Amino acid sequence: MDSAADIYPARLRIDYPEQLDRLTTLLRIFWAIPIFVILAIVAGGGGGTTVRDGAERVRDAGPGILFALAFATALMILFRQRYPRWWFDFQLALARFSYRVAAYFALLRDEYPSTEDEQAVHLDLDYPDVPRQLNRWLPLIKWLLAIPHFLVLILLSLFAVVAVIVAWFAILFTGRYPRGLFDYVVGVGRWALRVQAYAIFMLTDRYPPFSLS
């Protein structure tokens, strides 16, 4: 059994469903559109805003709230060695919602994603003790150190897309998600979450393991 020190401060577990609904699986791409729109609005990914400057229309796409918060958090750690608790609570709630939506779209669960309830997607992030656990200078280079993970995740995600397509056909014929494919897709999500916690959420200085488990 892992000791507390061995547990990474970002964890994801999704309950395996014994049976999945064929009809909602068939039409999942359409059922997911409303919740995707809500997630895009909340996460600031709606394509930016258009404002008027005299007679000219100026479009500002903006970086999205996640990257804006990542930049602000890096500055807070660097100059103040603080991580505002309400920033953490917001990022945790948004991460949980995002992964519920992702699990639904990847056919891992039938429950329509809730904006509040945990449902069957269990995601946990540990709030950091900044002065003791975080080096104030690392936020300046974490994005650089995480590049190997980003490259690997691109490849893993491509295989995950193939796995979801194969699982879609399997569910239509059998009503079940092949367990090996399920574990792989969840593993990719778990890997991505650890990289987010390290390079975007700035919650830990522990380098993410190259592992799906």
C-alpha atoms as a PDB file:
ATOM      1  CA  MET A   1       0.000   0.000   0.000  1.00  0.00           C
ATOM      2  CA  ASP A   2       1.329   3.456  -0.913  1.00  0.00           C
ATOM      3  CA  SER A   3       2.371   5.713   1.924  1.00  0.00           C
ATOM      4  CA  ALA A   4       1.007   9.248   2.134  1.00  0.00           C
ATOM      5  CA  ALA A   5       4.333  10.573   0.818  1.00  0.00           C
ATOM      6  CA  ASP A   6       4.061   8.390  -2.298  1.00  0.00           C
ATOM      7  CA  ILE A   7       0.590   9.641  -3.248  1.00  0.00           C
ATOM      8  CA  TYR A   8       0.706  12.301  -5.943  1.00  0.00           C
ATOM      9  CA  PRO A   9      -1.254  15.455  -4.991  1.00  0.00           C
ATOM     10  CA  ALA A  10      -3.516  15.102  -8.052  1.00  0.00           C
ATOM     11  CA  ARG A  11      -5.632  11.961  -8.305  1.00  0.00           C
ATOM     12  CA  LEU A  12      -8.345  10.696 -10.645  1.00  0.00           C
ATOM     13  CA  ARG A  13     -10.517   7.611 -10.413  1.00  0.00           C
ATOM     14  CA  ILE A  14     -13.620   6.788 -12.468  1.00  0.00           C
ATOM     15  CA  ASP A  15     -15.974   3.973 -11.496  1.00  0.00           C
ATOM     16  CA  TYR A  16     -16.179   1.246 -14.133  1.00  0.00           C
ATOM     17  CA  PRO A  17     -19.762   0.784 -15.422  1.00  0.00           C
ATOM     18  CA  GLU A  18     -20.999  -2.770 -15.758  1.00  0.00           C
ATOM     19  CA  GLN A  19     -23.547  -1.797 -18.412  1.00  0.00           C
ATOM     20  CA  LEU A  20     -23.904   1.229 -20.689  1.00  0.00           C
ATOM     21  CA  ASP A  21     -26.915   2.522 -22.601  1.00  0.00           C
ATOM     22  CA  ARG A  22     -26.659   1.875 -26.338  1.00  0.00           C
ATOM     23  CA  LEU A  23     -28.959   4.705 -27.438  1.00  0.00           C
ATOM     24  CA  THR A  24     -27.247   7.501 -25.487  1.00  0.00           C
ATOM     25  CA  THR A  25     -23.889   6.104 -26.618  1.00  0.00           C
ATOM     26  CA  LEU A  26     -25.009   6.220 -30.248  1.00  0.00           C
ATOM     27  CA  LEU A  27     -26.019   9.872 -29.958  1.00  0.00           C
ATOM     28  CA  ARG A  28     -23.435  10.967 -27.375  1.00  0.00           C
ATOM     29  CA  ILE A  29     -21.828  13.584 -29.609  1.00  0.00           C
ATOM     30  CA  PHE A  30     -25.186  15.384 -29.847  1.00  0.00           C
ATOM     31  CA  TRP A  31     -26.205  14.947 -26.180  1.00  0.00           C
ATOM     32  CA  ALA A  32     -22.878  16.442 -25.086  1.00  0.00           C
ATOM     33  CA  ILE A  33     -23.224  19.717 -27.020  1.00  0.00           C
ATOM     34  CA  PRO A  34     -25.152  21.691 -24.310  1.00  0.00           C
ATOM     35  CA  ILE A  35     -22.746  20.752 -21.514  1.00  0.00           C
ATOM     36  CA  PHE A  36     -19.761  21.516 -23.747  1.00  0.00           C
ATOM     37  CA  VAL A  37     -21.156  24.997 -24.348  1.00  0.00           C
ATOM     38  CA  ILE A  38     -21.564  25.537 -20.600  1.00  0.00           C
ATOM     39  CA  LEU A  39     -18.019  24.322 -19.930  1.00  0.00           C
ATOM     40  CA  ALA A  40     -16.607  26.572 -22.649  1.00  0.00           C
ATOM     41  CA  ILE A  41     -18.348  29.619 -21.153  1.00  0.00           C
ATOM     42  CA  VAL A  42     -17.224  28.840 -17.595  1.00  0.00           C
ATOM     43  CA  ALA A  43     -13.633  28.106 -18.643  1.00  0.00           C
ATOM     44  CA  GLY A  44     -13.419  31.233 -20.763  1.00  0.00           C
ATOM     45  CA  GLY A  45     -13.022  29.320 -23.992  1.00  0.00           C
ATOM     46  CA  GLY A  46     -15.953  30.853 -25.801  1.00  0.00           C
ATOM     47  CA  GLY A  47     -13.764  32.575 -28.367  1.00  0.00           C
ATOM     48  CA  GLY A  48     -13.219  35.929 -26.682  1.00  0.00           C
ATOM     49  CA  THR A  49     -15.176  39.151 -26.697  1.00  0.00           C
ATOM     50  CA  THR A  50     -15.801  41.870 -29.232  1.00  0.00           C
ATOM     51  CA  VAL A  51     -15.690  45.478 -28.080  1.00  0.00           C
ATOM     52  CA  ARG A  52     -16.096  48.775 -29.910  1.00  0.00           C
ATOM     53  CA  ASP A  53     -13.407  51.426 -29.997  1.00  0.00           C
ATOM     54  CA  GLY A  54     -15.022  54.393 -31.723  1.00  0.00           C
ATOM     55  CA  ALA A  55     -16.034  53.193 -35.166  1.00  0.00           C
ATOM     56  CA  GLU A  56     -13.734  50.158 -35.064  1.00  0.00           C
ATOM     57  CA  ARG A  57     -14.591  46.707 -33.799  1.00  0.00           C
ATOM     58  CA  VAL A  58     -11.773  45.078 -31.864  1.00  0.00           C
ATOM     59  CA  ARG A  59     -11.770  41.358 -31.092  1.00  0.00           C
ATOM     60  CA  ASP A  60      -9.852  40.080 -28.095  1.00  0.00           C
ATOM     61  CA  ALA A  61      -9.594  36.287 -27.936  1.00  0.00           C
ATOM     62  CA  GLY A  62      -7.958  36.179 -24.494  1.00  0.00           C
ATOM     63  CA  PRO A  63      -6.041  33.241 -23.034  1.00  0.00           C
ATOM     64  CA  GLY A  64      -8.928  31.671 -21.139  1.00  0.00           C
ATOM     65  CA  ILE A  65      -9.443  31.681 -17.412  1.00  0.00           C
ATOM     66  CA  LEU A  66      -7.270  28.613 -16.721  1.00  0.00           C
ATOM     67  CA  PHE A  67      -4.137  30.115 -18.237  1.00  0.00           C
ATOM     68  CA  ALA A  68      -4.888  33.538 -16.771  1.00  0.00           C
ATOM     69  CA  LEU A  69      -5.143  31.947 -13.318  1.00  0.00           C
ATOM     70  CA  ALA A  70      -1.966  29.953 -13.937  1.00  0.00           C
ATOM     71  CA  PHE A  71      -0.077  33.149 -14.730  1.00  0.00           C
ATOM     72  CA  ALA A  72      -1.549  34.954 -11.710  1.00  0.00           C
ATOM     73  CA  THR A  73      -0.762  31.988  -9.443  1.00  0.00           C
ATOM     74  CA  ALA A  74       2.836  31.897 -10.656  1.00  0.00           C
ATOM     75  CA  LEU A  75       3.200  35.583  -9.804  1.00  0.00           C
ATOM     76  CA  MET A  76       1.655  35.103  -6.357  1.00  0.00           C
ATOM     77  CA  ILE A  77       4.006  32.214  -5.552  1.00  0.00           C
ATOM     78  CA  LEU A  78       7.008  34.131  -6.883  1.00  0.00           C
ATOM     79  CA  PHE A  79       6.407  37.438  -5.121  1.00  0.00           C
ATOM     80  CA  ARG A  80       4.213  36.594  -2.130  1.00  0.00           C
ATOM     81  CA  GLN A  81       4.663  32.836  -1.592  1.00  0.00           C
ATOM     82  CA  ARG A  82       0.919  32.487  -1.301  1.00  0.00           C
ATOM     83  CA  TYR A  83      -1.765  30.477  -3.100  1.00  0.00           C
ATOM     84  CA  PRO A  84      -5.173  32.102  -2.499  1.00  0.00           C
ATOM     85  CA  ARG A  85      -7.528  29.435  -1.224  1.00  0.00           C
ATOM     86  CA  TRP A  86     -10.452  30.627  -3.317  1.00  0.00           C
ATOM     87  CA  TRP A  87      -8.331  30.300  -6.471  1.00  0.00           C
ATOM     88  CA  PHE A  88      -7.602  26.703  -5.497  1.00  0.00           C
ATOM     89  CA  ASP A  89     -11.265  25.983  -4.729  1.00  0.00           C
ATOM     90  CA  PHE A  90     -12.310  27.378  -8.103  1.00  0.00           C
ATOM     91  CA  GLN A  91      -9.680  25.376  -9.992  1.00  0.00           C
ATOM     92  CA  LEU A  92     -10.665  22.204  -8.125  1.00  0.00           C
ATOM     93  CA  ALA A  93     -14.370  22.677  -8.872  1.00  0.00           C
ATOM     94  CA  LEU A  94     -13.680  23.490 -12.525  1.00  0.00           C
ATOM     95  CA  ALA A  95     -11.331  20.505 -12.901  1.00  0.00           C
ATOM     96  CA  ARG A  96     -13.957  18.167 -11.442  1.00  0.00           C
ATOM     97  CA  PHE A  97     -16.629  19.529 -13.761  1.00  0.00           C
ATOM     98  CA  SER A  98     -14.288  19.370 -16.779  1.00  0.00           C
ATOM     99  CA  TYR A  99     -13.367  15.748 -16.120  1.00  0.00           C
ATOM    100  CA  ARG A 100     -17.019  14.756 -15.654  1.00  0.00           C
ATOM    101  CA  VAL A 101     -17.738  16.255 -19.073  1.00  0.00           C
ATOM    102  CA  ALA A 102     -14.701  14.514 -20.560  1.00  0.00           C
ATOM    103  CA  ALA A 103     -15.744  11.174 -19.033  1.00  0.00           C
ATOM    104  CA  TYR A 104     -19.231  11.548 -20.489  1.00  0.00           C
ATOM    105  CA  PHE A 105     -17.925  12.433 -23.949  1.00  0.00           C
ATOM    106  CA  ALA A 106     -15.409   9.570 -23.849  1.00  0.00           C
ATOM    107  CA  LEU A 107     -18.335   7.186 -23.155  1.00  0.00           C
ATOM    108  CA  LEU A 108     -16.900   6.199 -19.761  1.00  0.00           C
ATOM    109  CA  ARG A 109     -20.163   6.988 -17.974  1.00  0.00           C
ATOM    110  CA  ASP A 110     -23.837   7.383 -18.911  1.00  0.00           C
ATOM    111  CA  GLU A 111     -24.749   9.965 -16.254  1.00  0.00           C
ATOM    112  CA  TYR A 112     -25.179  13.414 -17.714  1.00  0.00           C
ATOM    113  CA  PRO A 113     -22.428  15.588 -16.175  1.00  0.00           C
ATOM    114  CA  SER A 114     -23.497  17.511 -13.107  1.00  0.00           C
ATOM    115  CA  THR A 115     -22.143  20.994 -12.474  1.00  0.00           C
ATOM    116  CA  GLU A 116     -21.923  20.216  -8.732  1.00  0.00           C
ATOM    117  CA  ASP A 117     -22.311  16.533  -7.781  1.00  0.00           C
ATOM    118  CA  GLU A 118     -19.273  14.249  -7.847  1.00  0.00           C
ATOM    119  CA  GLN A 119     -21.157  11.379  -9.529  1.00  0.00           C
ATOM    120  CA  ALA A 120     -18.769   8.554 -10.536  1.00  0.00           C
ATOM    121  CA  VAL A 121     -15.755  10.719 -11.395  1.00  0.00           C
ATOM    122  CA  HIS A 122     -13.554  11.085  -8.327  1.00  0.00           C
ATOM    123  CA  LEU A 123     -10.937  13.836  -8.673  1.00  0.00           C
ATOM    124  CA  ASP A 124      -8.854  15.199  -5.822  1.00  0.00           C
ATOM    125  CA  LEU A 125      -6.209  17.917  -5.628  1.00  0.00           C
ATOM    126  CA  ASP A 126      -4.187  18.710  -2.510  1.00  0.00           C
ATOM    127  CA  TYR A 127      -3.960  22.322  -1.368  1.00  0.00           C
ATOM    128  CA  PRO A 128      -0.271  23.218  -1.058  1.00  0.00           C
ATOM    129  CA  ASP A 129       1.592  24.646   1.912  1.00  0.00           C
ATOM    130  CA  VAL A 130       3.391  27.159  -0.281  1.00  0.00           C
ATOM    131  CA  PRO A 131       6.343  28.198   1.937  1.00  0.00           C
ATOM    132  CA  ARG A 132       7.167  24.561   2.770  1.00  0.00           C
ATOM    133  CA  GLN A 133       6.225  22.703  -0.409  1.00  0.00           C
ATOM    134  CA  LEU A 134       6.715  25.097  -3.344  1.00  0.00           C
ATOM    135  CA  ASN A 135       9.915  26.672  -4.614  1.00  0.00           C
ATOM    136  CA  ARG A 136       9.108  30.282  -5.447  1.00  0.00           C
ATOM    137  CA  TRP A 137      11.263  30.238  -8.623  1.00  0.00           C
ATOM    138  CA  LEU A 138      10.009  27.010 -10.221  1.00  0.00           C
ATOM    139  CA  PRO A 139       6.786  28.527 -11.655  1.00  0.00           C
ATOM    140  CA  LEU A 140       9.016  30.429 -14.086  1.00  0.00           C
ATOM    141  CA  ILE A 141      10.192  27.225 -15.775  1.00  0.00           C
ATOM    142  CA  LYS A 142       7.581  24.554 -15.002  1.00  0.00           C
ATOM    143  CA  TRP A 143       6.028  24.932 -18.442  1.00  0.00           C
ATOM    144  CA  LEU A 144       9.459  24.236 -19.934  1.00  0.00           C
ATOM    145  CA  LEU A 145      10.134  21.247 -17.699  1.00  0.00           C
ATOM    146  CA  ALA A 146       6.723  19.799 -18.610  1.00  0.00           C
ATOM    147  CA  ILE A 147       7.365  19.812 -22.381  1.00  0.00           C
ATOM    148  CA  PRO A 148       8.297  16.085 -22.465  1.00  0.00           C
ATOM    149  CA  HIS A 149       4.959  15.315 -20.821  1.00  0.00           C
ATOM    150  CA  PHE A 150       3.067  17.503 -23.295  1.00  0.00           C
ATOM    151  CA  LEU A 151       4.686  15.673 -26.218  1.00  0.00           C
ATOM    152  CA  VAL A 152       3.903  12.246 -24.760  1.00  0.00           C
ATOM    153  CA  LEU A 153       0.326  13.299 -23.965  1.00  0.00           C
ATOM    154  CA  ILE A 154      -0.252  14.326 -27.586  1.00  0.00           C
ATOM    155  CA  LEU A 155       0.620  10.792 -28.684  1.00  0.00           C
ATOM    156  CA  LEU A 156      -1.326   9.142 -25.860  1.00  0.00           C
ATOM    157  CA  SER A 157      -4.375  11.285 -26.639  1.00  0.00           C
ATOM    158  CA  LEU A 158      -4.355  10.199 -30.266  1.00  0.00           C
ATOM    159  CA  PHE A 159      -4.427   6.574 -29.144  1.00  0.00           C
ATOM    160  CA  ALA A 160      -7.177   7.475 -26.653  1.00  0.00           C
ATOM    161  CA  VAL A 161      -9.329   8.849 -29.478  1.00  0.00           C
ATOM    162  CA  VAL A 162      -8.907   5.534 -31.315  1.00  0.00           C
ATOM    163  CA  ALA A 163      -9.744   3.671 -28.103  1.00  0.00           C
ATOM    164  CA  VAL A 164     -12.957   5.663 -27.662  1.00  0.00           C
ATOM    165  CA  ILE A 165     -14.019   4.968 -31.248  1.00  0.00           C
ATOM    166  CA  VAL A 166     -13.406   1.238 -30.775  1.00  0.00           C
ATOM    167  CA  ALA A 167     -15.276   1.359 -27.452  1.00  0.00           C
ATOM    168  CA  TRP A 168     -18.204   3.133 -29.174  1.00  0.00           C
ATOM    169  CA  PHE A 169     -18.674   0.161 -31.499  1.00  0.00           C
ATOM    170  CA  ALA A 170     -18.201  -2.302 -28.645  1.00  0.00           C
ATOM    171  CA  ILE A 171     -20.858  -0.591 -26.529  1.00  0.00           C
ATOM    172  CA  LEU A 172     -23.319  -0.526 -29.415  1.00  0.00           C
ATOM    173  CA  PHE A 173     -22.958  -4.297 -29.852  1.00  0.00           C
ATOM    174  CA  THR A 174     -22.401  -5.494 -26.283  1.00  0.00           C
ATOM    175  CA  GLY A 175     -23.471  -2.665 -23.976  1.00  0.00           C
ATOM    176  CA  ARG A 176     -20.075  -2.815 -22.260  1.00  0.00           C
ATOM    177  CA  TYR A 177     -16.893  -0.745 -22.376  1.00  0.00           C
ATOM    178  CA  PRO A 178     -13.913  -3.105 -22.859  1.00  0.00           C
ATOM    179  CA  ARG A 179     -12.082  -2.955 -19.540  1.00  0.00           C
ATOM    180  CA  GLY A 180      -8.634  -2.589 -21.079  1.00  0.00           C
ATOM    181  CA  LEU A 181      -9.730   0.378 -23.188  1.00  0.00           C
ATOM    182  CA  PHE A 182     -11.531   1.907 -20.199  1.00  0.00           C
ATOM    183  CA  ASP A 183      -8.421   1.707 -18.018  1.00  0.00           C
ATOM    184  CA  TYR A 184      -6.282   3.193 -20.782  1.00  0.00           C
ATOM    185  CA  VAL A 185      -8.568   6.197 -21.395  1.00  0.00           C
ATOM    186  CA  VAL A 186      -8.846   6.879 -17.658  1.00  0.00           C
ATOM    187  CA  GLY A 187      -5.076   6.514 -17.366  1.00  0.00           C
ATOM    188  CA  VAL A 188      -4.509   9.172 -20.013  1.00  0.00           C
ATOM    189  CA  GLY A 189      -6.865  11.489 -18.118  1.00  0.00           C
ATOM    190  CA  ARG A 190      -4.990  10.754 -14.879  1.00  0.00           C
ATOM    191  CA  TRP A 191      -1.649  11.528 -16.557  1.00  0.00           C
ATOM    192  CA  ALA A 192      -3.027  14.792 -17.969  1.00  0.00           C
ATOM    193  CA  LEU A 193      -4.375  15.812 -14.551  1.00  0.00           C
ATOM    194  CA  ARG A 194      -0.981  15.322 -12.895  1.00  0.00           C
ATOM    195  CA  VAL A 195       0.678  17.471 -15.562  1.00  0.00           C
ATOM    196  CA  GLN A 196      -1.998  20.134 -15.063  1.00  0.00           C
ATOM    197  CA  ALA A 197      -1.412  20.092 -11.308  1.00  0.00           C
ATOM    198  CA  TYR A 198       2.318  20.553 -11.858  1.00  0.00           C
ATOM    199  CA  ALA A 199       2.563  23.024 -14.742  1.00  0.00           C
ATOM    200  CA  ILE A 200      -0.777  24.852 -14.829  1.00  0.00           C
ATOM    201  CA  PHE A 201      -2.363  24.705 -11.367  1.00  0.00           C
ATOM    202  CA  MET A 202       1.107  25.037  -9.743  1.00  0.00           C
ATOM    203  CA  LEU A 203       0.031  22.820  -6.835  1.00  0.00           C
ATOM    204  CA  THR A 204       3.198  20.782  -6.477  1.00  0.00           C
ATOM    205  CA  ASP A 205       6.898  20.756  -7.307  1.00  0.00           C
ATOM    206  CA  ARG A 206       6.964  16.951  -7.600  1.00  0.00           C
ATOM    207  CA  TYR A 207       7.616  16.101 -11.233  1.00  0.00           C
ATOM    208  CA  PRO A 208       4.730  14.027 -12.628  1.00  0.00           C
ATOM    209  CA  PRO A 209       5.493  10.341 -13.163  1.00  0.00           C
ATOM    210  CA  PHE A 210       5.398   8.947 -16.701  1.00  0.00           C
ATOM    211  CA  SER A 211       2.634   6.524 -15.821  1.00  0.00           C
ATOM    212  CA  LEU A 212      -1.008   5.779 -16.581  1.00  0.00           C
ATOM    213  CA  SER A 213      -1.565   4.238 -13.145  1.00  0.00           C
END
